[in-house]
Amino acid sequence: MRIYKQAGNIKGALFLGAVILIIGLFIYTQSIINALRSESRETVSLYAHIMAKGVTGANDNELDFVFREIILKVTFPIIQSDADGNPVNWRNLVDDGDIEKETVREIMEAMDSQNDPIPLVVTLDGDVDAGPRVYELGHLHFGDSVLINRLKMLPYIEIGAVALFIFFGFSGFQVIRNTEKQHIWFGMARETAHQLGTPVS
């Protein structure tokens, strides 16, 4: 009976350890994803600020030029939209070359569900009476980088690995327990045969 009790304790400890490991890994992975998303947002905010400073007026051509010069080094997907919400420039999408604007718009909406777009705001000197004029030229929409998307898959891989660990652990434990049972039965059979005077090989 003690063996069965110990077996139950070991199984329970294995299961509890696996659950704690999965939760710990999931929390750690989520914290990394959140940190990377925050870093991406700060980068996009900086780009939006630089673009706004680089534009002296509400001129789409100037904005396009600044976008091309600044966003060239970005590693995550990003889309610049105009004031009406139409995509005008994009980078690091699935296929930057041959992509329809409608597809870009759908990707842009998906990005907005992940991260709030950053407004492109330009402040220009106005009349003395009216004060400075603020123009919203559009938005920068951005999505998760390849690294973040890979990290999103990590918890599922971790759960699979831990599940395999538990499966093989339980299977191995079951084999050991069955072997112990056979030894016990064999020992009992020998003892019984000895008591009865029948030799057991």
Protein backbone atom coordinates (compact mmCIF):
# COMPACT_ATOMS: atom_id res chain seq x y z
CA MET A 1 0.00 0.00 0.00
CA ARG A 2 2.89 2.32 0.77
CA ILE A 3 4.23 1.82 -2.79
CA TYR A 4 0.89 2.89 -4.30
CA LYS A 5 0.72 5.91 -2.02
CA GLN A 6 4.25 6.91 -3.03
CA ALA A 7 3.31 6.39 -6.68
CA GLY A 8 0.35 8.72 -6.28
CA ASN A 9 2.54 11.30 -4.56
CA ILE A 10 5.15 11.17 -7.33
CA LYS A 11 2.48 11.52 -10.04
CA GLY A 12 0.93 14.45 -8.20
CA ALA A 13 4.33 16.10 -7.77
CA LEU A 14 5.14 15.60 -11.46
CA PHE A 15 1.82 17.11 -12.53
CA LEU A 16 2.10 20.05 -10.11
CA GLY A 17 5.69 20.70 -11.20
CA ALA A 18 4.63 20.67 -14.85
CA VAL A 19 1.76 23.12 -14.21
CA ILE A 20 4.07 25.49 -12.30
CA LEU A 21 6.67 25.25 -15.09
CA ILE A 22 4.09 26.00 -17.81
CA ILE A 23 2.67 28.99 -15.91
CA GLY A 24 6.15 30.35 -15.17
CA LEU A 25 7.30 30.02 -18.78
CA PHE A 26 4.06 31.55 -20.07
CA ILE A 27 4.34 34.58 -17.75
CA TYR A 28 8.02 35.05 -18.67
CA THR A 29 7.30 34.82 -22.41
CA GLN A 30 4.41 37.29 -22.13
CA SER A 31 6.63 39.76 -20.26
CA ILE A 32 9.21 39.57 -23.08
CA ILE A 33 6.49 40.06 -25.73
CA ASN A 34 5.07 43.07 -23.86
CA ALA A 35 8.56 44.59 -23.49
CA LEU A 36 9.25 44.16 -27.23
CA ARG A 37 5.86 45.64 -28.13
CA SER A 38 6.54 48.62 -25.87
CA GLU A 39 9.94 49.08 -27.51
CA SER A 40 8.33 48.95 -30.98
CA ARG A 41 5.77 51.55 -29.92
CA GLU A 42 8.50 53.88 -28.63
CA THR A 43 10.39 53.47 -31.91
CA VAL A 44 7.30 54.25 -34.00
CA SER A 45 6.50 57.26 -31.77
CA LEU A 46 10.04 58.52 -32.35
CA TYR A 47 9.68 58.05 -36.11
CA ALA A 48 6.35 59.89 -36.07
CA HIS A 49 7.96 62.76 -34.14
CA ILE A 50 10.92 62.92 -36.55
CA MET A 51 8.60 62.82 -39.55
CA ALA A 52 6.44 65.58 -38.10
CA LYS A 53 9.53 67.72 -37.41
CA GLY A 54 10.86 67.05 -40.90
CA VAL A 55 7.74 68.37 -42.54
CA THR A 56 7.49 72.14 -42.64
CA GLY A 57 3.98 72.13 -44.03
CA ALA A 58 1.11 69.78 -44.66
CA ASN A 59 2.80 68.46 -47.78
CA ASP A 60 2.29 64.81 -48.72
CA ASN A 61 5.38 64.73 -50.97
CA GLU A 62 7.64 65.85 -48.13
CA LEU A 63 6.03 63.33 -45.81
CA ASP A 64 6.58 60.54 -48.36
CA PHE A 65 10.25 61.50 -48.66
CA VAL A 66 10.79 61.54 -44.90
CA PHE A 67 8.95 58.22 -44.57
CA ARG A 68 11.19 56.55 -47.17
CA GLU A 69 14.37 57.93 -45.62
CA ILE A 70 13.50 57.14 -41.99
CA ILE A 71 11.50 53.93 -42.16
CA LEU A 72 14.06 52.17 -44.39
CA LYS A 73 15.76 50.51 -41.39
CA VAL A 74 12.61 49.35 -39.56
CA THR A 75 12.41 45.58 -38.95
CA PHE A 76 8.72 45.32 -37.98
CA PRO A 77 5.73 45.82 -40.32
CA ILE A 78 4.66 49.46 -40.57
CA ILE A 79 2.13 51.38 -42.67
CA GLN A 80 1.73 55.13 -43.10
CA SER A 81 -1.80 56.30 -43.81
CA ASP A 82 -3.01 59.73 -44.88
CA ALA A 83 -5.53 61.91 -43.03
CA ASP A 84 -8.41 59.96 -44.63
CA GLY A 85 -7.05 56.62 -43.43
CA ASN A 86 -5.79 55.47 -46.84
CA PRO A 87 -2.46 53.60 -46.83
CA VAL A 88 0.21 55.53 -48.75
CA ASN A 89 3.49 53.87 -47.71
CA TRP A 90 4.32 50.55 -46.08
CA ARG A 91 7.26 48.37 -45.22
CA ASN A 92 7.96 44.79 -44.05
CA LEU A 93 4.56 43.41 -45.00
CA VAL A 94 4.21 39.89 -46.39
CA ASP A 95 5.20 41.05 -49.87
CA ASP A 96 6.02 44.74 -50.16
CA GLY A 97 6.34 44.67 -53.95
CA ASP A 98 3.16 43.15 -55.35
CA ILE A 99 0.44 43.93 -52.86
CA GLU A 100 -2.98 45.46 -53.44
CA LYS A 101 -3.98 48.56 -51.47
CA GLU A 102 -7.09 46.76 -50.24
CA THR A 103 -4.90 44.01 -48.79
CA VAL A 104 -2.72 46.67 -47.16
CA ARG A 105 -5.85 48.23 -45.66
CA GLU A 106 -6.88 44.85 -44.18
CA ILE A 107 -3.38 44.37 -42.73
CA MET A 108 -3.56 47.91 -41.35
CA GLU A 109 -6.85 47.14 -39.57
CA ALA A 110 -5.33 43.96 -38.12
CA MET A 111 -2.34 46.00 -36.89
CA ASP A 112 -4.68 48.51 -35.23
CA SER A 113 -6.29 45.66 -33.27
CA GLN A 114 -2.80 44.79 -31.90
CA ASN A 115 -1.38 48.29 -31.40
CA ASP A 116 -2.99 51.73 -31.41
CA PRO A 117 -1.81 53.79 -34.40
CA ILE A 118 0.50 56.75 -33.77
CA PRO A 119 -0.82 60.07 -35.15
CA LEU A 120 1.38 62.15 -37.45
CA VAL A 121 0.79 65.65 -36.13
CA VAL A 122 2.42 68.83 -37.44
CA THR A 123 2.19 72.13 -35.57
CA LEU A 124 2.70 75.24 -37.68
CA ASP A 125 3.01 78.85 -36.64
CA GLY A 126 -0.24 80.65 -37.26
CA ASP A 127 -1.54 84.17 -36.92
CA VAL A 128 -0.86 86.07 -33.74
CA ASP A 129 -4.56 85.99 -32.88
CA ALA A 130 -5.26 82.40 -33.92
CA GLY A 131 -2.09 80.86 -32.48
CA PRO A 132 -0.33 77.78 -33.84
CA ARG A 133 -2.22 75.52 -36.22
CA VAL A 134 -2.18 71.75 -35.71
CA TYR A 135 -2.51 69.42 -38.68
CA GLU A 136 -3.04 65.70 -38.45
CA LEU A 137 -1.40 64.33 -41.59
CA GLY A 138 -2.22 60.70 -40.95
CA HIS A 139 -1.09 57.82 -38.79
CA LEU A 140 1.67 55.27 -38.47
CA HIS A 141 0.25 51.77 -38.04
CA PHE A 142 2.59 49.02 -36.88
CA GLY A 143 2.44 45.32 -36.19
CA ASP A 144 4.42 42.73 -34.32
CA SER A 145 7.90 41.87 -35.53
CA VAL A 146 8.93 38.40 -36.71
CA LEU A 147 10.59 37.85 -33.32
CA ILE A 148 7.39 38.69 -31.41
CA ASN A 149 5.36 36.38 -33.67
CA ARG A 150 7.83 33.58 -32.97
CA LEU A 151 7.65 34.27 -29.25
CA LYS A 152 3.85 34.04 -29.42
CA MET A 153 4.25 30.40 -30.51
CA LEU A 154 6.67 29.66 -27.67
CA PRO A 155 4.04 28.95 -24.95
CA TYR A 156 2.40 26.31 -27.16
CA ILE A 157 5.78 24.70 -27.86
CA GLU A 158 6.53 24.80 -24.12
CA ILE A 159 3.18 23.20 -23.27
CA GLY A 160 3.84 20.46 -25.85
CA ALA A 161 7.34 19.82 -24.47
CA VAL A 162 6.10 19.66 -20.88
CA ALA A 163 3.20 17.40 -21.91
CA LEU A 164 5.72 15.03 -23.55
CA PHE A 165 7.85 15.18 -20.41
CA ILE A 166 4.83 14.25 -18.25
CA PHE A 167 3.79 11.48 -20.67
CA PHE A 168 7.24 9.88 -20.72
CA GLY A 169 7.60 10.42 -16.96
CA PHE A 170 4.30 8.67 -16.24
CA SER A 171 5.07 5.92 -18.77
CA GLY A 172 8.50 5.30 -17.25
CA PHE A 173 7.05 5.33 -13.77
CA GLN A 174 4.35 2.86 -14.85
CA VAL A 175 6.99 0.49 -16.28
CA ILE A 176 8.98 0.67 -13.04
CA ARG A 177 5.84 0.02 -10.99
CA ASN A 178 4.83 -2.96 -13.14
CA THR A 179 8.35 -4.38 -12.81
CA GLU A 180 8.15 -3.98 -9.04
CA LYS A 181 4.76 -5.73 -9.04
CA GLN A 182 6.21 -8.65 -11.01
CA HIS A 183 9.10 -8.92 -8.54
CA ILE A 184 6.67 -8.88 -5.63
CA TRP A 185 4.46 -11.57 -7.22
CA PHE A 186 7.51 -13.64 -8.09
CA GLY A 187 8.80 -13.32 -4.51
CA MET A 188 5.40 -14.29 -3.10
CA ALA A 189 5.24 -17.28 -5.46
CA ARG A 190 8.71 -18.43 -4.35
CA GLU A 191 7.75 -18.03 -0.70
CA THR A 192 4.51 -19.96 -1.21
CA ALA A 193 6.34 -22.70 -3.12
CA HIS A 194 8.94 -22.86 -0.36
CA GLN A 195 6.19 -23.21 2.23
CA LEU A 196 4.61 -26.00 0.19
CA GLY A 197 7.97 -27.64 -0.54
CA THR A 198 7.71 -27.15 -4.32
CA PRO A 199 10.89 -25.82 -5.99
CA VAL A 200 10.48 -22.72 -8.14
CA SER A 201 13.22 -21.95 -10.64
